[in-house]
Every structure is written in C-alpha cells, then in structure tokens.
Amino acid sequence: MKIVLKSYIYHDKKNNWLEIDQNLLLHDLCAFLDEKNEIIYIWNGPESDPERLEKGFDSIKNLTSNYPDTTLQLTILTEDIPSDIQKKLDEMLAGIRKKEEEVQQFTRIVSIRSYFILSLVTISLPIISILNLYLSLFWPISDFNAEISANNYNVWLNISITLMIISLIFFALKIGVGIIEMEHEVIIYSSTGLIICFGIILYLFQGINIFLFQVGSTSSIYLISPVDLAVFLTLNLIAILIFEILDVKKFLVFYNTYRNFIF
C-alpha cells in the first residue's frame, strides 16, 4: 500500500514550517510526515548547513511537544533512505537536477583540466598580443608621425604573430575537447577564436604593406601616420574582443561549475 506523505519546508528566519508539494532546492531543509507510521523524516540538503538542521529539528520537537497524545518519531535522513521517501525526494529534486545536467556538460576529469589550461592560454596570449601592438603609442614622434626602425618594426609584428599562432593552436585543441565532450558552446566559441586568430595572422603577415609609410621614411626608418596607426590598433582590438568576450564568459561559467574538479 502506498504511503501518503506530507512535505514541509523550513523557513529559518521565521522559524516555522510550511507545507509544500513543489520543487526542492539543494539548500532546503524539508520534513516528510508519514502519518500512518507516525514518523517525521527530516532531509537536510547538501548545500544546507548543520545549524539550520539543528534549528529545524528543535522547532519540530517543540511543535510535537504541544501534542502529548501523539508518539511521533523524528528521523534524520542519511544514506539509508526509505524507498517511499527517496521517490518523493527524487520528484521534488527533479527540477534542480535537470538544470544541473544542462549546465554540467563535461564528463571527464582530463577534459575539465585540459580545458582549464587551454583557456588560460587562449585568454591571456591575445591580451598580451594586443598590449604589444599598443606599445606603438609610445613610439617617438617625428613631424607628427610615429617613428620606428625597420628592425624594431619587424620584431614588434613578429611578437604578435607568434602569440596569435600559439593562440590559434590552443583554440584548435579546445575544439577537440569540445568535440569529445559534445560541448557545443566550446566548439562554437573556440571556432570563432580560431577563425579570427587566423585572420589577424594573415593581416599581420603583410608586414610593411600594412601601413602607407609617410614622406621621410627610409629603408631603415619608418614613419607612420597616427591615423593609420589608430585604425590598425582599433581593428585588431575589435577583432580580439569579439572572441575574448565569448571565451572569458564561457570560462567563468566553466570555472564556477567545475572548480572542485580542477585542482
């Protein structure tokens, strides 16, 4: 015969119990009343705390003491949970468990740790690259134009090219992790980063053809218009921000979800 259970949730601020028949949250304290067997089962959620359990337990004891004719037994649920109570709990926790399954896509520890390390690289290197490009704002000025030697110009571009090539490789590895875990956001965001990195690399590979050097430039000294330099820096910044925002957003969600599995 099926046991009819009544469920109550504890409100610690008001120190009272309210009858409910809806979804539970992991920080809730809930009591199940089995009137037939005169047992009250107390469930303390995994994100609740011992203090709430103690307050709730004392509250029920005070309530039951007002009915001396009853012989209600108080039982705190641990690992050995009666089947009827477990079924009721499963029903009431179904909503939160569904949300957890939707959020938690990674199923392998090695994938979680790999994605964490790969993301640190794909977030940091493009930032270092754009900072390197913005060092051009500190170049000396000659006749209202930015001045740089040919050798320093090549080093300046090659640093960013190298950083973007490494970023591209790590984005490709992240796509592999996303495919293994069937994590669509990782695949889409990493593909976006890979494509943009590839475009930036092609752009930077133009070398001396990126700018129209101003009058007075020589084979060893380049003079670059501030307007041309501003356009160049703005285009690179916008391109990098497109995938950096997506990458950082995904990384923060990932870290909050899996931080206990990373270290």
Protein backbone atom coordinates (compact mmCIF):
# COMPACT_ATOMS: atom_id res chain seq x y z
CA MET A 1 0.00 0.00 0.00
CA LYS A 2 1.34 3.40 -0.97
CA ILE A 3 2.22 5.67 1.92
CA VAL A 4 0.78 9.18 1.76
CA LEU A 5 3.46 11.70 2.68
CA LYS A 6 3.09 15.34 3.55
CA SER A 7 6.12 17.54 2.97
CA TYR A 8 7.08 20.73 4.79
CA ILE A 9 9.92 23.19 4.18
CA TYR A 10 11.65 25.04 6.98
CA HIS A 11 11.98 28.85 6.96
CA ASP A 12 14.78 29.58 9.40
CA LYS A 13 14.18 33.35 9.51
CA LYS A 14 10.59 32.86 10.66
CA ASN A 15 11.40 29.61 12.45
CA ASN A 16 8.34 27.88 11.03
CA TRP A 17 7.37 25.08 8.65
CA LEU A 18 5.21 25.48 5.55
CA GLU A 19 3.52 22.61 3.75
CA ILE A 20 4.70 22.34 0.15
CA ASP A 21 4.46 19.93 -2.75
CA GLN A 22 6.85 21.52 -5.20
CA ASN A 23 10.50 21.54 -6.23
CA LEU A 24 13.16 21.49 -3.55
CA LEU A 25 16.44 23.39 -3.66
CA LEU A 26 19.73 21.92 -2.50
CA HIS A 27 19.96 24.37 0.42
CA ASP A 28 16.47 23.50 1.75
CA LEU A 29 15.56 21.70 4.96
CA CYS A 30 12.49 19.54 4.41
CA ALA A 31 10.35 17.32 6.65
CA PHE A 32 8.24 14.42 5.42
CA LEU A 33 5.33 13.36 7.62
CA ASP A 34 4.30 9.71 7.46
CA GLU A 35 1.01 9.87 9.36
CA LYS A 36 0.33 6.16 9.11
CA ASN A 37 3.58 5.11 10.80
CA GLU A 38 3.80 8.31 12.87
CA ILE A 39 7.29 9.18 11.65
CA ILE A 40 8.73 12.53 10.61
CA TYR A 41 11.70 12.24 8.27
CA ILE A 42 13.99 15.26 8.11
CA TRP A 43 16.07 15.89 4.96
CA ASN A 44 18.88 18.43 5.05
CA GLY A 45 20.01 19.45 1.55
CA PRO A 46 23.69 19.05 0.59
CA GLU A 47 24.09 22.84 0.37
CA SER A 48 22.35 23.44 3.69
CA ASP A 49 24.29 23.57 6.97
CA PRO A 50 24.23 21.79 10.36
CA GLU A 51 22.99 24.94 12.09
CA ARG A 52 19.82 25.01 10.00
CA LEU A 53 19.28 21.31 10.67
CA GLU A 54 19.68 21.85 14.41
CA LYS A 55 17.26 24.80 14.45
CA GLY A 56 14.72 22.93 12.34
CA PHE A 57 14.99 19.79 14.45
CA ASP A 58 14.44 21.78 17.67
CA SER A 59 11.48 23.54 16.03
CA ILE A 60 9.79 20.23 15.21
CA LYS A 61 10.44 18.92 18.72
CA ASN A 62 8.76 21.99 20.16
CA LEU A 63 5.79 21.56 17.83
CA THR A 64 5.32 17.89 18.64
CA SER A 65 5.61 18.59 22.37
CA ASN A 66 2.34 20.51 22.10
CA TYR A 67 0.60 17.22 21.24
CA PRO A 68 1.38 14.85 24.11
CA ASP A 69 -1.10 12.26 22.81
CA THR A 70 1.00 11.66 19.70
CA THR A 71 4.05 9.43 19.54
CA LEU A 72 5.72 10.92 16.50
CA GLN A 73 9.24 9.65 15.88
CA LEU A 74 11.83 12.05 14.45
CA THR A 75 14.35 10.60 12.00
CA ILE A 76 17.13 12.48 10.24
CA LEU A 77 17.70 11.06 6.77
CA THR A 78 21.25 9.99 5.98
CA GLU A 79 22.28 7.30 3.48
CA ASP A 80 19.65 4.70 4.34
CA ILE A 81 16.53 6.41 2.98
CA PRO A 82 13.19 4.51 2.78
CA SER A 83 12.06 3.89 -0.80
CA ASP A 84 8.88 5.99 -0.49
CA ILE A 85 10.84 8.93 0.87
CA GLN A 86 13.51 8.54 -1.82
CA LYS A 87 10.86 8.53 -4.54
CA LYS A 88 9.30 11.68 -3.12
CA LEU A 89 12.72 13.34 -2.88
CA ASP A 90 13.54 12.42 -6.46
CA GLU A 91 10.29 14.00 -7.64
CA MET A 92 10.90 17.20 -5.71
CA LEU A 93 14.56 17.45 -6.79
CA ALA A 94 13.87 16.66 -10.44
CA GLY A 95 13.85 20.34 -11.44
CA ILE A 96 17.21 21.22 -9.91
CA ARG A 97 18.85 18.03 -11.19
CA LYS A 98 17.65 18.78 -14.71
CA LYS A 99 19.24 22.24 -14.51
CA GLU A 100 22.49 20.72 -13.23
CA GLU A 101 22.57 18.28 -16.13
CA GLU A 102 22.04 21.16 -18.56
CA VAL A 103 24.90 23.13 -17.01
CA GLN A 104 27.38 20.32 -16.46
CA GLN A 105 28.44 19.13 -19.90
CA PHE A 106 31.95 17.87 -19.17
CA THR A 107 32.12 14.22 -18.11
CA ARG A 108 35.88 13.59 -17.85
CA ILE A 109 38.37 14.99 -15.34
CA VAL A 110 41.08 15.12 -18.01
CA SER A 111 38.78 17.20 -20.24
CA ILE A 112 37.98 19.60 -17.40
CA ARG A 113 41.64 20.17 -16.54
CA SER A 114 42.68 20.37 -20.20
CA TYR A 115 40.01 22.96 -20.97
CA PHE A 116 41.06 24.99 -17.92
CA ILE A 117 44.71 25.13 -19.02
CA LEU A 118 43.86 25.74 -22.68
CA SER A 119 41.51 28.59 -21.74
CA LEU A 120 44.16 30.31 -19.65
CA VAL A 121 46.35 30.37 -22.75
CA THR A 122 43.65 31.47 -25.23
CA ILE A 123 42.56 34.27 -22.90
CA SER A 124 45.98 35.57 -21.88
CA LEU A 125 48.03 35.40 -25.12
CA PRO A 126 45.68 37.52 -27.28
CA ILE A 127 45.63 40.12 -24.50
CA ILE A 128 49.44 40.16 -24.43
CA SER A 129 49.41 40.43 -28.23
CA ILE A 130 47.14 43.48 -28.30
CA LEU A 131 49.16 45.09 -25.49
CA ASN A 132 52.28 44.56 -27.59
CA LEU A 133 50.63 46.27 -30.55
CA TYR A 134 49.54 49.17 -28.35
CA LEU A 135 53.17 49.78 -27.39
CA SER A 136 53.24 51.67 -30.68
CA LEU A 137 51.55 54.53 -28.84
CA PHE A 138 54.87 55.13 -27.09
CA TRP A 139 56.97 55.32 -30.24
CA PRO A 140 58.83 58.60 -30.73
CA ILE A 141 57.12 61.25 -32.85
CA SER A 142 58.77 62.85 -35.86
CA ASP A 143 56.90 65.53 -37.83
CA PHE A 144 53.60 64.37 -36.27
CA ASN A 145 54.25 60.76 -37.39
CA ALA A 146 55.17 57.72 -35.31
CA GLU A 147 58.77 56.69 -35.92
CA ILE A 148 60.25 53.19 -35.62
CA SER A 149 63.29 51.43 -37.00
CA ALA A 150 62.80 48.65 -39.57
CA ASN A 151 64.30 46.07 -37.24
CA ASN A 152 62.07 47.04 -34.28
CA TYR A 153 59.05 47.15 -36.58
CA ASN A 154 59.63 43.53 -37.63
CA VAL A 155 60.18 42.40 -34.03
CA TRP A 156 57.02 44.26 -32.97
CA LEU A 157 54.88 42.47 -35.57
CA ASN A 158 56.56 39.07 -35.11
CA ILE A 159 55.83 39.04 -31.38
CA SER A 160 52.10 39.44 -32.00
CA ILE A 161 52.16 36.99 -34.92
CA THR A 162 53.82 34.35 -32.72
CA LEU A 163 51.35 34.90 -29.88
CA MET A 164 48.39 34.64 -32.25
CA ILE A 165 49.75 31.44 -33.86
CA ILE A 166 50.06 29.84 -30.42
CA SER A 167 46.53 31.03 -29.57
CA LEU A 168 45.24 29.52 -32.83
CA ILE A 169 46.81 26.14 -31.97
CA PHE A 170 45.28 26.17 -28.49
CA PHE A 171 41.87 27.12 -29.88
CA ALA A 172 42.13 24.10 -32.18
CA LEU A 173 42.88 21.91 -29.15
CA LYS A 174 39.86 23.39 -27.35
CA ILE A 175 37.68 22.48 -30.33
CA GLY A 176 38.94 18.91 -29.92
CA VAL A 177 37.93 18.93 -26.24
CA GLY A 178 34.53 20.32 -27.21
CA ILE A 179 34.00 17.57 -29.79
CA ILE A 180 34.99 14.85 -27.31
CA GLU A 181 32.61 16.23 -24.68
CA MET A 182 29.93 17.25 -27.21
CA GLU A 183 30.02 20.74 -25.67
CA HIS A 184 28.53 22.95 -28.37
CA GLU A 185 29.42 26.30 -26.83
CA VAL A 186 33.08 25.29 -26.57
CA ILE A 187 33.08 24.24 -30.23
CA ILE A 188 31.37 27.42 -31.44
CA TYR A 189 33.33 29.89 -29.29
CA SER A 190 36.68 28.20 -29.96
CA SER A 191 35.96 28.03 -33.70
CA THR A 192 35.22 31.76 -33.63
CA GLY A 193 38.53 32.39 -31.87
CA LEU A 194 40.42 30.17 -34.30
CA ILE A 195 38.97 31.89 -37.38
CA ILE A 196 39.63 35.40 -36.06
CA CYS A 197 43.17 34.49 -34.96
CA PHE A 198 43.82 33.14 -38.46
CA GLY A 199 42.53 36.38 -39.97
CA ILE A 200 44.70 38.51 -37.67
CA ILE A 201 47.75 36.41 -38.52
CA LEU A 202 47.16 36.90 -42.27
CA TYR A 203 46.71 40.63 -41.67
CA LEU A 204 49.92 40.96 -39.66
CA PHE A 205 51.85 38.87 -42.20
CA GLN A 206 51.51 41.78 -44.63
CA GLY A 207 54.40 43.33 -42.76
CA ILE A 208 55.49 46.63 -44.28
CA ASN A 209 52.40 46.64 -46.51
CA ILE A 210 50.10 47.20 -43.52
CA PHE A 211 50.88 50.93 -43.49
CA LEU A 212 51.45 53.59 -46.10
CA PHE A 213 54.73 54.99 -44.82
CA GLN A 214 54.92 58.76 -44.80
CA VAL A 215 57.31 61.06 -46.63
CA GLY A 216 60.72 60.93 -45.00
CA SER A 217 60.70 57.16 -44.44
CA THR A 218 63.81 55.20 -45.42
CA SER A 219 64.71 51.51 -45.68
CA SER A 220 65.80 51.60 -42.03
CA ILE A 221 63.35 54.12 -40.51
CA TYR A 222 59.56 54.01 -40.94
CA LEU A 223 57.22 56.97 -40.38
CA ILE A 224 53.59 56.00 -39.79
CA SER A 225 50.58 58.32 -39.75
CA PRO A 226 48.81 58.44 -36.36
CA VAL A 227 45.50 57.98 -38.17
CA ASP A 228 46.73 54.80 -39.90
CA LEU A 229 48.11 53.53 -36.60
CA ALA A 230 44.82 54.26 -34.80
CA VAL A 231 42.82 52.41 -37.45
CA PHE A 232 45.22 49.45 -37.25
CA LEU A 233 45.01 49.25 -33.46
CA THR A 234 41.21 49.65 -33.43
CA LEU A 235 40.68 46.87 -35.98
CA ASN A 236 42.89 44.47 -34.02
CA LEU A 237 41.27 45.40 -30.70
CA ILE A 238 37.73 44.84 -32.04
CA ALA A 239 38.69 41.53 -33.63
CA ILE A 240 40.29 40.22 -30.43
CA LEU A 241 37.45 41.47 -28.20
CA ILE A 242 34.92 39.51 -30.28
CA PHE A 243 36.31 36.14 -29.26
CA GLU A 244 37.82 37.22 -25.95
CA ILE A 245 34.41 38.23 -24.55
CA LEU A 246 32.94 34.88 -25.59
CA ASP A 247 35.95 32.98 -24.26
CA VAL A 248 36.02 34.77 -20.90
CA LYS A 249 32.25 34.39 -20.47
CA LYS A 250 32.44 30.65 -21.08
CA PHE A 251 35.50 30.30 -18.85
CA LEU A 252 33.80 31.98 -15.89
CA VAL A 253 30.74 29.73 -16.17
CA PHE A 254 33.02 26.72 -16.58
CA TYR A 255 35.14 27.64 -13.55
CA ASN A 256 32.13 28.21 -11.28
CA THR A 257 30.71 24.84 -12.32
CA TYR A 258 33.84 22.65 -12.25
CA ARG A 259 36.28 24.38 -9.90
CA ASN A 260 36.10 21.49 -7.44
CA PHE A 261 37.36 19.13 -10.16
CA ILE A 262 40.22 21.28 -11.46
CA PHE A 263 42.70 21.03 -8.61
